[in-house]
Protein backbone atom coordinates (compact mmCIF):
# COMPACT_ATOMS: atom_id res chain seq x y z
CA MET A 1 27.24 34.19 -33.06
CA PRO A 2 25.24 33.27 -36.17
CA THR A 3 24.48 29.64 -36.88
CA ILE A 4 26.91 28.22 -39.45
CA LEU A 5 25.33 25.74 -41.84
CA LEU A 6 27.39 23.14 -43.64
CA PRO A 7 26.36 21.23 -46.75
CA ALA A 8 24.91 17.74 -46.56
CA SER A 9 28.22 16.26 -47.69
CA ALA A 10 29.73 17.31 -44.34
CA ALA A 11 27.34 15.12 -42.32
CA ALA A 12 28.47 11.85 -40.76
CA PHE A 13 28.67 8.84 -43.13
CA ALA A 14 27.75 11.11 -46.07
CA PRO A 15 29.42 10.32 -49.40
CA ARG A 16 31.74 12.77 -51.03
CA SER A 17 30.26 15.35 -53.36
CA PRO A 18 31.46 18.59 -55.00
CA PRO A 19 32.19 21.29 -52.42
CA ASN A 20 29.89 24.20 -51.74
CA VAL A 21 31.76 27.33 -52.88
CA VAL A 22 30.58 30.88 -52.12
CA LEU A 23 32.71 33.76 -53.41
CA ASN A 24 32.46 37.45 -52.73
CA SER A 25 31.54 40.02 -55.39
CA LYS A 26 35.21 40.92 -55.53
CA VAL A 27 37.77 38.13 -55.59
CA ASP A 28 40.83 38.49 -53.39
CA PRO A 29 44.13 38.82 -55.29
CA TRP A 30 45.76 35.93 -53.38
CA LEU A 31 43.05 33.51 -54.63
CA THR A 32 43.60 34.60 -58.25
CA ALA A 33 47.35 34.09 -57.88
CA THR A 34 46.85 30.63 -56.33
CA LEU A 35 44.53 29.43 -59.09
CA LYS A 36 46.92 30.65 -61.81
CA ARG A 37 49.81 28.85 -60.12
CA ILE A 38 48.15 25.40 -59.91
CA ASN A 39 46.52 25.34 -63.37
CA ARG A 40 48.54 23.62 -66.05
CA ILE A 41 46.26 25.00 -68.71
CA LYS A 42 46.03 28.73 -68.68
CA ARG A 43 42.43 29.69 -68.06
CA PRO A 44 41.00 33.19 -68.04
CA LEU A 45 40.28 34.46 -64.52
CA ASN A 46 38.77 37.87 -65.18
CA SER A 47 35.43 37.54 -63.37
CA VAL A 48 33.86 35.97 -60.30
CA PRO A 49 32.09 33.16 -62.25
CA GLN A 50 35.40 32.17 -63.85
CA HIS A 51 37.01 31.94 -60.41
CA PHE A 52 34.03 29.95 -59.17
CA ARG A 53 34.22 27.32 -61.93
CA CYS A 54 37.98 26.97 -61.66
CA LEU A 55 37.97 26.54 -57.88
CA THR A 56 35.01 24.14 -57.86
CA GLU A 57 36.48 21.87 -60.53
CA THR A 58 39.85 21.82 -58.83
CA LEU A 59 38.48 20.89 -55.40
CA SER A 60 36.07 18.29 -56.86
CA SER A 61 38.86 16.27 -58.45
CA PRO A 62 39.27 12.76 -56.99
CA SER A 63 42.93 13.57 -56.36
CA ALA A 64 42.08 16.72 -54.39
CA ILE A 65 43.08 15.19 -51.05
CA TRP A 66 44.66 17.36 -48.41
CA THR A 67 47.10 16.15 -45.79
CA LEU A 68 46.08 17.91 -42.63
CA CYS A 69 48.74 16.39 -40.35
CA SER A 70 50.62 13.17 -39.53
CA ILE A 71 50.37 11.31 -36.20
CA MET A 72 52.75 8.67 -34.90
CA LEU A 73 50.88 5.89 -33.03
CA PRO A 74 51.90 2.50 -31.58
CA LYS A 75 51.57 -0.58 -33.79
CA ALA A 76 50.49 -2.90 -30.99
CA PRO A 77 49.32 -2.75 -27.37
CA ASP A 78 51.86 -1.77 -24.79
CA SER A 79 52.30 -5.33 -23.54
CA GLU A 80 53.29 -6.52 -27.04
CA LEU A 81 55.77 -3.79 -27.96
CA ARG A 82 59.34 -4.80 -28.67
CA LYS A 83 61.90 -3.83 -26.05
CA ASP A 84 65.35 -2.87 -27.30
CA SER A 85 68.26 -0.91 -25.93
CA ASN A 86 68.43 1.07 -29.17
CA PRO A 87 65.59 3.65 -29.25
CA LEU A 88 65.77 3.87 -33.03
CA ILE A 89 64.98 0.18 -33.39
CA GLU A 90 62.12 0.50 -30.94
CA ALA A 91 60.66 3.39 -32.96
CA LEU A 92 60.93 1.50 -36.25
CA PHE A 93 59.31 -1.69 -34.97
CA ASN A 94 56.81 -0.30 -32.50
CA TYR A 95 55.36 2.86 -34.09
CA GLN A 96 53.56 3.75 -37.28
CA LEU A 97 52.79 7.05 -38.99
CA ILE A 98 49.16 7.73 -39.86
CA HIS A 99 48.47 10.58 -42.28
CA ILE A 100 45.28 12.47 -41.54
CA GLU A 101 43.81 13.16 -44.96
CA ALA A 102 40.68 15.13 -45.82
CA TYR A 103 38.86 16.85 -48.66
CA VAL A 104 37.19 20.23 -48.92
CA VAL A 105 33.42 20.27 -48.42
CA HIS A 106 32.74 23.98 -47.92
CA VAL A 107 34.28 27.31 -48.94
CA ASP A 108 32.68 30.54 -47.72
CA MET A 109 34.34 33.87 -48.51
CA VAL A 110 31.31 36.05 -47.79
CA SER A 111 30.04 35.66 -44.22
CA GLN A 112 32.51 33.42 -42.34
CA ASN A 113 35.54 33.54 -44.64
CA GLU A 114 36.38 29.92 -43.88
CA VAL A 115 37.04 26.55 -45.45
CA ALA A 116 35.88 23.19 -44.02
CA PHE A 117 37.59 19.78 -44.39
CA LYS A 118 36.12 16.32 -43.82
CA LEU A 119 38.18 13.18 -43.16
CA THR A 120 38.49 10.63 -45.94
CA PRO A 121 37.00 7.14 -45.41
CA GLU A 122 40.51 5.62 -45.42
CA THR A 123 41.64 7.92 -42.61
CA ILE A 124 38.50 7.19 -40.58
CA GLU A 125 39.04 3.44 -41.00
CA SER A 126 42.68 3.67 -39.86
CA LEU A 127 41.72 5.63 -36.75
CA VAL A 128 38.88 3.26 -35.86
CA GLU A 129 41.14 0.20 -36.18
CA TYR A 130 43.78 1.75 -33.96
CA HIS A 131 41.19 2.69 -31.37
CA LYS A 132 39.69 -0.81 -31.29
CA ASP A 133 42.81 -2.99 -31.47
CA ILE A 134 45.38 -0.95 -29.58
CA TYR A 135 43.97 1.99 -27.66
CA SER A 136 41.03 0.08 -26.14
CA VAL A 137 43.31 -2.78 -25.03
CA ASP A 138 45.72 -0.42 -23.31
CA THR A 139 43.04 1.62 -21.58
CA ALA A 140 41.27 -1.55 -20.40
CA ALA A 141 44.51 -2.89 -18.96
CA ASN A 142 45.13 0.34 -17.05
CA THR A 143 41.74 0.38 -15.31
CA TRP A 144 40.41 -1.92 -12.60
CA ASN A 145 37.66 -4.43 -13.33
CA TRP A 146 34.00 -3.92 -12.56
CA SER A 147 30.81 -5.63 -13.64
CA GLU A 148 29.97 -3.30 -16.55
CA LYS A 149 33.48 -2.78 -17.85
CA GLU A 150 32.98 -4.67 -21.13
CA SER A 151 29.80 -2.82 -22.00
CA GLN A 152 31.41 0.53 -21.21
CA LEU A 153 34.38 -0.36 -23.41
CA LYS A 154 32.11 -1.31 -26.30
CA LYS A 155 30.18 1.91 -25.94
CA LEU A 156 33.46 3.85 -25.94
CA GLN A 157 34.39 2.29 -29.29
CA GLU A 158 30.99 3.08 -30.80
CA ASP A 159 31.23 6.68 -29.68
CA PHE A 160 34.63 7.01 -31.30
CA VAL A 161 33.28 5.75 -34.64
CA GLN A 162 30.56 8.39 -34.54
CA ALA A 163 32.99 11.15 -33.55
CA ALA A 164 35.46 10.28 -36.32
CA ASN A 165 32.75 10.37 -38.98
CA ARG A 166 31.38 13.68 -37.70
CA PHE A 167 34.80 15.33 -37.49
CA VAL A 168 35.06 18.50 -39.60
CA TYR A 169 38.03 20.82 -39.41
CA ARG A 170 37.26 24.48 -40.11
CA THR A 171 39.83 27.19 -40.53
CA ASN A 172 40.38 30.51 -42.27
CA ALA A 173 39.86 30.56 -46.03
CA ILE A 174 43.40 31.76 -46.56
CA ALA A 175 44.43 28.14 -45.95
CA LEU A 176 43.67 27.59 -49.63
CA GLU A 177 47.06 29.15 -50.32
CA GLY A 178 48.46 25.66 -49.66
CA LEU A 179 46.58 24.39 -52.71
CA GLU A 180 48.70 22.38 -55.16
CA GLU A 181 48.17 20.79 -58.55
CA ASP A 182 45.15 18.54 -59.02
CA GLY A 183 43.50 20.07 -55.94
CA ALA A 184 45.73 18.47 -53.30
CA GLY A 185 47.31 20.55 -50.61
CA GLU A 186 48.74 20.89 -47.11
CA LEU A 187 47.96 23.17 -44.22
CA LEU A 188 50.40 26.00 -43.61
CA CYS A 189 51.22 28.36 -40.76
CA GLY A 190 51.07 25.80 -37.95
CA ARG A 191 47.49 24.70 -38.60
CA SER A 192 48.61 21.06 -38.60
CA ASP A 193 49.17 21.24 -34.86
CA GLU A 194 45.56 22.33 -34.40
CA VAL A 195 44.32 19.32 -36.34
CA LYS A 196 46.57 16.95 -34.39
CA SER A 197 45.24 18.24 -31.07
CA ALA A 198 41.66 17.92 -32.31
CA ILE A 199 42.19 14.33 -33.50
CA MET A 200 43.85 13.22 -30.26
CA GLY A 201 40.95 14.79 -28.37
CA LEU A 202 38.66 12.16 -29.89
CA PHE A 203 40.39 9.41 -27.85
CA LEU A 204 38.45 9.55 -24.62
CA PRO A 205 39.56 7.61 -21.51
CA LEU A 206 37.63 4.70 -20.06
CA LEU A 207 36.21 6.09 -16.84
CA PRO A 208 35.28 3.56 -14.15
CA PRO A 209 32.16 4.24 -12.09
CA PRO A 210 32.67 6.32 -8.98
CA PRO A 211 33.00 4.39 -5.72
CA ARG A 212 29.75 3.80 -3.92
CA ILE A 213 29.19 5.79 -0.78
CA VAL A 214 28.40 3.48 2.11
CA ASP A 215 26.21 5.00 4.77
CA VAL A 216 27.83 4.37 8.12
CA VAL A 217 25.30 4.21 10.92
CA ARG A 218 26.89 5.69 13.98
CA PRO A 219 25.38 5.01 17.40
CA ALA A 220 24.05 7.94 19.32
CA PRO A 221 26.51 9.23 21.90
CA LEU A 222 25.68 8.22 25.46
CA LEU A 223 25.39 10.97 28.03
CA PRO A 224 27.41 10.50 31.24
CA SER A 225 25.39 8.96 34.08
CA SER A 226 27.14 10.78 36.93
CA SER A 227 25.06 12.99 39.21
CA GLY A 228 27.23 15.98 38.49
CA ALA A 229 26.34 15.93 34.81
CA GLU A 230 22.63 16.15 35.57
CA ASN A 231 23.05 19.77 36.59
CA TRP A 232 24.81 20.80 33.38
CA TRP A 233 21.58 21.59 31.55
CA GLN A 234 19.79 23.28 34.48
CA PRO A 235 19.66 27.07 34.30
CA THR A 236 21.66 28.85 36.93
CA LEU A 237 19.37 30.83 39.24
CA PRO A 238 20.58 33.92 41.08
CA PRO A 239 20.96 33.56 44.86
CA PRO A 240 17.82 34.49 46.86
CA TYR A 241 17.56 37.56 48.99
CA PRO A 242 19.27 37.42 52.38
CA SER A 243 17.14 36.42 55.33
CA ALA A 244 14.92 39.07 56.73
CA MET A 245 16.31 40.96 59.71
CA GLU A 246 14.40 42.27 62.67
CA SER A 247 13.39 45.83 62.35
CA TRP A 248 15.05 46.91 65.58
CA LYS A 249 18.44 45.58 64.40
CA VAL A 250 18.42 47.65 61.24
CA ILE A 251 20.28 50.89 61.56
CA PRO A 252 18.18 53.60 60.03
CA SER A 253 19.67 55.14 56.95
CA SER A 254 17.76 58.39 57.50
CA PRO A 255 15.82 59.99 60.35
CA SER A 256 12.09 59.57 60.58
CA THR A 257 10.15 61.60 58.09
CA THR A 258 7.33 62.22 60.64
CA SER A 259 9.47 64.53 62.79
CA SER A 260 9.41 68.25 62.42
CA ALA A 261 11.82 71.03 63.22
CA ASP A 262 9.82 72.10 66.36
CA SER A 263 9.92 68.65 67.90
CA HIS A 264 13.70 68.53 67.47
CA SER A 265 14.04 71.93 69.17
CA SER A 266 12.06 70.84 72.22
CA MET A 267 13.91 67.52 72.35
CA TRP A 268 17.28 69.27 72.64
CA ALA A 269 15.96 71.69 75.28
CA ALA A 270 14.22 69.14 77.54
CA MET A 271 16.75 66.33 77.26
CA GLY A 272 19.11 65.89 80.21
CA LEU A 273 22.32 64.01 80.57
CA ASN A 274 20.88 61.29 82.81
CA ASP A 275 17.56 60.65 81.18
CA THR A 276 18.82 60.55 77.61
CA GLN A 277 16.80 57.96 75.74
CA LEU A 278 17.20 56.96 72.15
CA PRO A 279 13.99 56.89 70.24
CA SER A 280 12.92 53.69 68.56
CA PRO A 281 14.51 53.60 65.14
CA THR A 282 12.27 53.74 62.20
CA PRO A 283 12.88 50.72 59.97
CA SER A 284 14.29 51.57 56.63
CA TYR A 285 12.60 50.45 53.46
CA SER A 286 13.32 46.89 52.49
CA GLN A 287 11.77 44.59 50.01
CA PRO A 288 9.76 41.66 51.27
CA TYR A 289 11.50 38.32 51.38
CA THR A 290 10.85 36.08 48.47
CA THR A 291 12.42 32.91 47.12
CA ALA A 292 11.56 33.65 43.49
CA GLY A 293 14.30 34.69 41.10
CA TYR A 294 14.77 38.11 39.75
CA SER A 295 12.18 39.20 37.27
CA ALA A 296 12.29 41.80 34.60
CA PRO A 297 9.77 44.18 36.30
CA GLN A 298 12.11 44.50 39.31
CA TYR A 299 14.78 46.08 37.16
CA TYR A 300 12.61 48.10 34.84
CA SER A 301 9.91 49.40 37.26
CA ALA A 302 9.73 53.03 38.31
CA PRO A 303 12.10 54.02 41.15
CA MET A 304 10.75 54.33 44.71
CA THR A 305 10.04 57.84 46.02
CA SER A 306 10.01 59.12 49.61
CA ALA A 307 9.15 62.32 51.40
CA PRO A 308 11.83 64.99 51.62
CA ILE A 309 14.10 64.75 54.65
CA PRO A 310 13.94 67.84 56.90
CA GLN A 311 17.13 69.44 58.04
CA LEU A 312 18.02 68.89 61.72
CA PRO A 313 18.83 71.93 63.84
CA MET A 314 22.43 72.29 64.83
CA PRO A 315 23.43 72.68 68.53
CA SER A 316 24.71 76.21 67.80
CA MET A 317 21.21 77.24 66.82
CA LEU A 318 19.80 75.90 70.05
CA MET A 319 22.43 77.72 72.11
CA GLN A 320 21.42 81.02 70.59
CA GLN A 321 17.85 80.49 71.80
CA GLN A 322 18.90 79.47 75.35
CA CYS A 323 21.65 81.85 76.36
CA SER A 324 20.90 81.72 80.15
CA THR A 325 23.38 80.01 82.39
CA SER A 326 20.50 78.43 84.26
CA ALA A 327 19.60 76.23 81.41
CA GLY A 328 20.53 72.71 82.28
CA PHE A 329 19.97 69.17 81.47
CA GLY A 330 18.04 67.02 83.87
CA GLY A 331 17.91 69.67 86.66
CA PHE A 332 21.64 70.22 86.87
CA GLY A 333 22.41 73.91 87.00
CA TRP A 334 25.70 75.28 85.92
CA ASP A 335 25.43 78.18 88.38
CA ARG A 336 25.63 75.79 91.35
CA TYR A 337 28.60 73.86 90.22
CA GLN A 338 30.60 75.05 93.25
CA GLU A 339 28.32 73.10 95.59
CA TYR A 340 29.46 69.86 94.12
CA THR A 341 32.76 68.53 95.42
CA LEU A 342 35.08 67.31 92.77
CA PRO A 343 37.67 64.61 93.32
CA TYR A 344 41.22 65.61 94.08
CA GLY A 345 43.25 66.30 91.02
CA THR A 346 40.26 67.06 88.82
CA THR A 347 40.87 69.87 86.45
CA MET A 348 38.05 72.16 85.43
């Protein structure tokens, strides 16, 4: 958005001077009709310079005061207002109507197509008196007391004086259609409500300081002194390996890898019923006993390998090799079974 420059007469506390008027190369028909309507003396308006002179002289007249809006405000602080059962009487005695008047300081129909108004000194004085005598008293009564309240209230009044003197209302240039004789005029098309909202926005509230934050020192929480709580922060270790067992009590999970198929064949042939003897079991693989916890290498190390387990010969294979009826176990021959007396009632 381009920077919009206003003339020096629009600055705060600046005296009134003729407005700054900028017209386009072609004058709008509505402006020509407005100037012809307000002029008592018929003046020629056939060119842009003629429109410029007519508009500048009209707006520079001392009577060229515009009424932007009217605001109803209390006459006294709230504690001094008259109380009456009739609301009409209350309104007549307790409220006043302040007319917000201004004059034109800038007309631009080329770049911004706008007109700017500045408040008259009388209007600024009325607003400043109301703010000091009524508004400040009410806002001070509605806030709690603190050490710097008076200084803050004085600063609030000074800021309002500055804001009222800097106030400039800018609107579309077509607002000049409300122009009347001698340069006076009123805003049309609901623009008065905009001015009223802008004026009431100058009345800022008296804000007390925020409450101070008090740092509360909280004691450190005490840990329980019971013996059971001492073990809460100790890491849980896995149970150790079971106690080592004697090698002769361990049932072998697989036959000895040192045996061969020939040794098993001779064992079945030479073994009798009476002298059957179990060989000493070969202890299965077991890890050495340790009280240390599990470690990562135990789980991620290479798996243990063992020699392949030979297949044991089945009894049917041995019977094929020894088909004679004289083959026996421990010297007992099956061909002499008749020599042995069996108990009565034994069934063969």
